[in-house]
Amino acid sequence: MADLIRGGVELLQVKTLGPARPDAGYERTRRFYRRLGFQPLEEIHGLWPENPCLIMVKVLGRPGGQPLHADCL
């Protein structure tokens, strides 16, 4: 991940099966991402036929290592 931060990447996104479709395997996947620091952003419908898509994001940093400030959110 350090390479991504040095490369200027600010945000990572993953997509997985959303909790609106219960599945024990994907629940484990969502917990795995949460342990890595990803936060659920939005569950959308229509991207995958009949399967809700959960978008999860993780903030890595800002260009030049600038910290995130609450007034910027």
N, C-alpha and C. Protein backbone atom coordinates (compact mmCIF):
# COMPACT_ATOMS: atom_id res chain seq x y z
N MET A 1 0.81 -1.19 0.00
CA MET A 1 0.00 0.00 0.00
C MET A 1 0.86 1.26 0.00
N ALA A 2 2.04 1.15 0.56
CA ALA A 2 2.94 2.31 0.58
C ALA A 2 3.25 2.78 -0.83
N ASP A 3 3.38 1.83 -1.77
CA ASP A 3 3.64 2.21 -3.17
C ASP A 3 2.47 3.01 -3.74
N LEU A 4 1.27 2.62 -3.39
CA LEU A 4 0.09 3.35 -3.88
C LEU A 4 0.08 4.77 -3.34
N ILE A 5 0.36 4.92 -2.06
CA ILE A 5 0.36 6.24 -1.42
C ILE A 5 1.44 7.11 -2.06
N ARG A 6 2.64 6.54 -2.24
CA ARG A 6 3.72 7.29 -2.89
C ARG A 6 3.34 7.67 -4.31
N GLY A 7 2.55 6.83 -4.95
CA GLY A 7 2.11 7.09 -6.32
C GLY A 7 0.96 8.08 -6.40
N GLY A 8 0.49 8.58 -5.26
CA GLY A 8 -0.56 9.59 -5.26
C GLY A 8 -1.97 9.06 -5.17
N VAL A 9 -2.12 7.76 -4.96
CA VAL A 9 -3.46 7.18 -4.83
C VAL A 9 -4.06 7.63 -3.50
N GLU A 10 -5.25 8.20 -3.55
CA GLU A 10 -5.90 8.72 -2.35
C GLU A 10 -6.97 7.80 -1.80
N LEU A 11 -7.57 7.00 -2.66
CA LEU A 11 -8.75 6.25 -2.26
C LEU A 11 -8.75 4.90 -2.98
N LEU A 12 -9.04 3.84 -2.23
CA LEU A 12 -9.23 2.52 -2.82
C LEU A 12 -10.71 2.18 -2.74
N GLN A 13 -11.18 1.45 -3.74
CA GLN A 13 -12.58 1.01 -3.78
C GLN A 13 -12.61 -0.47 -4.09
N VAL A 14 -13.49 -1.19 -3.41
CA VAL A 14 -13.76 -2.58 -3.74
C VAL A 14 -15.27 -2.74 -3.87
N LYS A 15 -15.64 -3.74 -4.66
CA LYS A 15 -17.06 -4.08 -4.81
C LYS A 15 -17.22 -5.53 -4.42
N THR A 16 -18.29 -5.80 -3.68
CA THR A 16 -18.60 -7.16 -3.28
C THR A 16 -20.11 -7.31 -3.18
N LEU A 17 -20.56 -8.51 -2.99
CA LEU A 17 -21.99 -8.74 -2.85
C LEU A 17 -22.52 -8.02 -1.62
N GLY A 18 -23.59 -7.27 -1.79
CA GLY A 18 -24.16 -6.49 -0.70
C GLY A 18 -24.93 -7.33 0.30
N PRO A 19 -25.09 -6.81 1.51
CA PRO A 19 -25.77 -7.56 2.57
C PRO A 19 -27.26 -7.76 2.33
N ALA A 20 -27.84 -7.06 1.36
CA ALA A 20 -29.25 -7.29 1.05
C ALA A 20 -29.48 -8.69 0.49
N ARG A 21 -28.41 -9.34 0.05
CA ARG A 21 -28.48 -10.74 -0.39
C ARG A 21 -27.64 -11.56 0.59
N PRO A 22 -28.27 -12.11 1.63
CA PRO A 22 -27.52 -12.83 2.65
C PRO A 22 -26.71 -13.99 2.07
N ASP A 23 -25.45 -14.04 2.46
CA ASP A 23 -24.55 -15.11 2.02
C ASP A 23 -23.39 -15.16 3.02
N ALA A 24 -23.23 -16.29 3.67
CA ALA A 24 -22.20 -16.41 4.72
C ALA A 24 -20.80 -16.17 4.17
N GLY A 25 -20.51 -16.66 2.97
CA GLY A 25 -19.19 -16.46 2.38
C GLY A 25 -18.89 -15.00 2.13
N TYR A 26 -19.86 -14.28 1.59
CA TYR A 26 -19.65 -12.86 1.33
C TYR A 26 -19.66 -12.03 2.61
N GLU A 27 -20.34 -12.51 3.65
CA GLU A 27 -20.26 -11.83 4.95
C GLU A 27 -18.82 -11.89 5.46
N ARG A 28 -18.18 -13.03 5.29
CA ARG A 28 -16.77 -13.15 5.67
C ARG A 28 -15.91 -12.20 4.83
N THR A 29 -16.23 -12.08 3.55
CA THR A 29 -15.49 -11.16 2.67
C THR A 29 -15.64 -9.73 3.15
N ARG A 30 -16.86 -9.33 3.50
CA ARG A 30 -17.08 -7.95 3.99
C ARG A 30 -16.33 -7.72 5.30
N ARG A 31 -16.31 -8.70 6.19
CA ARG A 31 -15.55 -8.56 7.44
C ARG A 31 -14.06 -8.44 7.16
N PHE A 32 -13.56 -9.20 6.20
CA PHE A 32 -12.16 -9.12 5.80
C PHE A 32 -11.81 -7.70 5.37
N TYR A 33 -12.63 -7.12 4.50
CA TYR A 33 -12.38 -5.76 4.04
C TYR A 33 -12.48 -4.75 5.19
N ARG A 34 -13.43 -4.94 6.09
CA ARG A 34 -13.55 -4.03 7.24
C ARG A 34 -12.27 -4.08 8.09
N ARG A 35 -11.73 -5.27 8.30
CA ARG A 35 -10.48 -5.39 9.08
C ARG A 35 -9.32 -4.67 8.39
N LEU A 36 -9.37 -4.56 7.07
CA LEU A 36 -8.34 -3.84 6.33
C LEU A 36 -8.58 -2.34 6.30
N GLY A 37 -9.68 -1.89 6.88
CA GLY A 37 -9.95 -0.45 6.96
C GLY A 37 -10.94 0.07 5.94
N PHE A 38 -11.54 -0.80 5.15
CA PHE A 38 -12.56 -0.37 4.19
C PHE A 38 -13.87 -0.11 4.92
N GLN A 39 -14.59 0.91 4.48
CA GLN A 39 -15.88 1.26 5.05
C GLN A 39 -16.96 1.12 3.99
N PRO A 40 -18.13 0.58 4.34
CA PRO A 40 -19.22 0.52 3.37
C PRO A 40 -19.64 1.94 2.97
N LEU A 41 -19.79 2.16 1.69
CA LEU A 41 -20.21 3.46 1.19
C LEU A 41 -21.65 3.42 0.70
N GLU A 42 -21.96 2.44 -0.13
CA GLU A 42 -23.28 2.41 -0.75
C GLU A 42 -23.55 1.02 -1.31
N GLU A 43 -24.79 0.58 -1.19
CA GLU A 43 -25.23 -0.63 -1.86
C GLU A 43 -26.08 -0.21 -3.05
N ILE A 44 -25.70 -0.70 -4.22
CA ILE A 44 -26.43 -0.34 -5.43
C ILE A 44 -27.02 -1.59 -6.07
N HIS A 45 -28.08 -1.38 -6.81
CA HIS A 45 -28.77 -2.48 -7.49
C HIS A 45 -28.75 -2.20 -8.98
N GLY A 46 -28.58 -3.26 -9.76
CA GLY A 46 -28.60 -3.11 -11.21
C GLY A 46 -27.24 -3.27 -11.87
N LEU A 47 -26.16 -3.19 -11.10
CA LEU A 47 -24.83 -3.38 -11.68
C LEU A 47 -24.65 -4.84 -12.08
N TRP A 48 -24.99 -5.73 -11.17
CA TRP A 48 -24.94 -7.17 -11.42
C TRP A 48 -26.37 -7.69 -11.39
N PRO A 49 -26.82 -8.38 -12.42
CA PRO A 49 -28.20 -8.88 -12.44
C PRO A 49 -28.55 -9.67 -11.18
N GLU A 50 -29.58 -9.23 -10.51
CA GLU A 50 -30.15 -9.90 -9.33
C GLU A 50 -29.23 -9.94 -8.11
N ASN A 51 -28.12 -9.23 -8.14
CA ASN A 51 -27.19 -9.22 -7.01
C ASN A 51 -26.86 -7.79 -6.60
N PRO A 52 -27.15 -7.42 -5.35
CA PRO A 52 -26.80 -6.08 -4.89
C PRO A 52 -25.28 -5.94 -4.77
N CYS A 53 -24.77 -4.80 -5.15
CA CYS A 53 -23.34 -4.52 -5.11
C CYS A 53 -23.05 -3.56 -3.97
N LEU A 54 -22.19 -3.97 -3.05
CA LEU A 54 -21.76 -3.10 -1.97
C LEU A 54 -20.43 -2.47 -2.37
N ILE A 55 -20.39 -1.14 -2.40
CA ILE A 55 -19.16 -0.42 -2.66
C ILE A 55 -18.54 -0.07 -1.32
N MET A 56 -17.28 -0.45 -1.14
CA MET A 56 -16.54 -0.14 0.08
C MET A 56 -15.32 0.67 -0.30
N VAL A 57 -14.95 1.63 0.54
CA VAL A 57 -13.82 2.50 0.23
C VAL A 57 -12.86 2.57 1.42
N LYS A 58 -11.61 2.90 1.09
CA LYS A 58 -10.59 3.11 2.11
C LYS A 58 -9.78 4.33 1.69
N VAL A 59 -9.69 5.31 2.58
CA VAL A 59 -8.89 6.51 2.33
C VAL A 59 -7.44 6.19 2.64
N LEU A 60 -6.56 6.43 1.68
CA LEU A 60 -5.13 6.19 1.88
C LEU A 60 -4.40 7.46 2.29
N GLY A 61 -4.75 8.56 1.71
CA GLY A 61 -4.07 9.81 2.02
C GLY A 61 -4.39 10.87 0.99
N ARG A 62 -3.65 11.93 1.06
CA ARG A 62 -3.82 13.05 0.14
C ARG A 62 -2.51 13.29 -0.58
N PRO A 63 -2.55 13.93 -1.74
CA PRO A 63 -1.30 14.20 -2.45
C PRO A 63 -0.32 14.96 -1.57
N GLY A 64 0.94 14.60 -1.65
CA GLY A 64 1.97 15.27 -0.85
C GLY A 64 1.89 14.94 0.62
N GLY A 65 1.09 13.93 0.98
CA GLY A 65 0.99 13.55 2.39
C GLY A 65 0.16 14.50 3.22
N GLN A 66 -0.60 15.39 2.58
CA GLN A 66 -1.44 16.32 3.32
C GLN A 66 -2.49 15.55 4.12
N PRO A 67 -2.65 15.87 5.39
CA PRO A 67 -3.67 15.18 6.20
C PRO A 67 -5.07 15.59 5.79
N LEU A 68 -6.02 14.69 6.03
CA LEU A 68 -7.43 15.01 5.83
C LEU A 68 -7.90 15.86 6.99
N HIS A 69 -8.66 16.88 6.72
CA HIS A 69 -9.20 17.74 7.77
C HIS A 69 -10.72 17.63 7.76
N ALA A 70 -11.33 17.70 8.92
CA ALA A 70 -12.77 17.53 9.05
C ALA A 70 -13.51 18.58 8.21
N ASP A 71 -12.98 19.78 8.05
CA ASP A 71 -13.67 20.81 7.28
C ASP A 71 -13.62 20.55 5.78
N CYS A 72 -12.84 19.56 5.34
CA CYS A 72 -12.75 19.22 3.93
C CYS A 72 -13.73 18.12 3.55
N LEU A 73 -14.36 17.52 4.53
CA LEU A 73 -15.24 16.38 4.25
C LEU A 73 -16.64 16.82 3.91
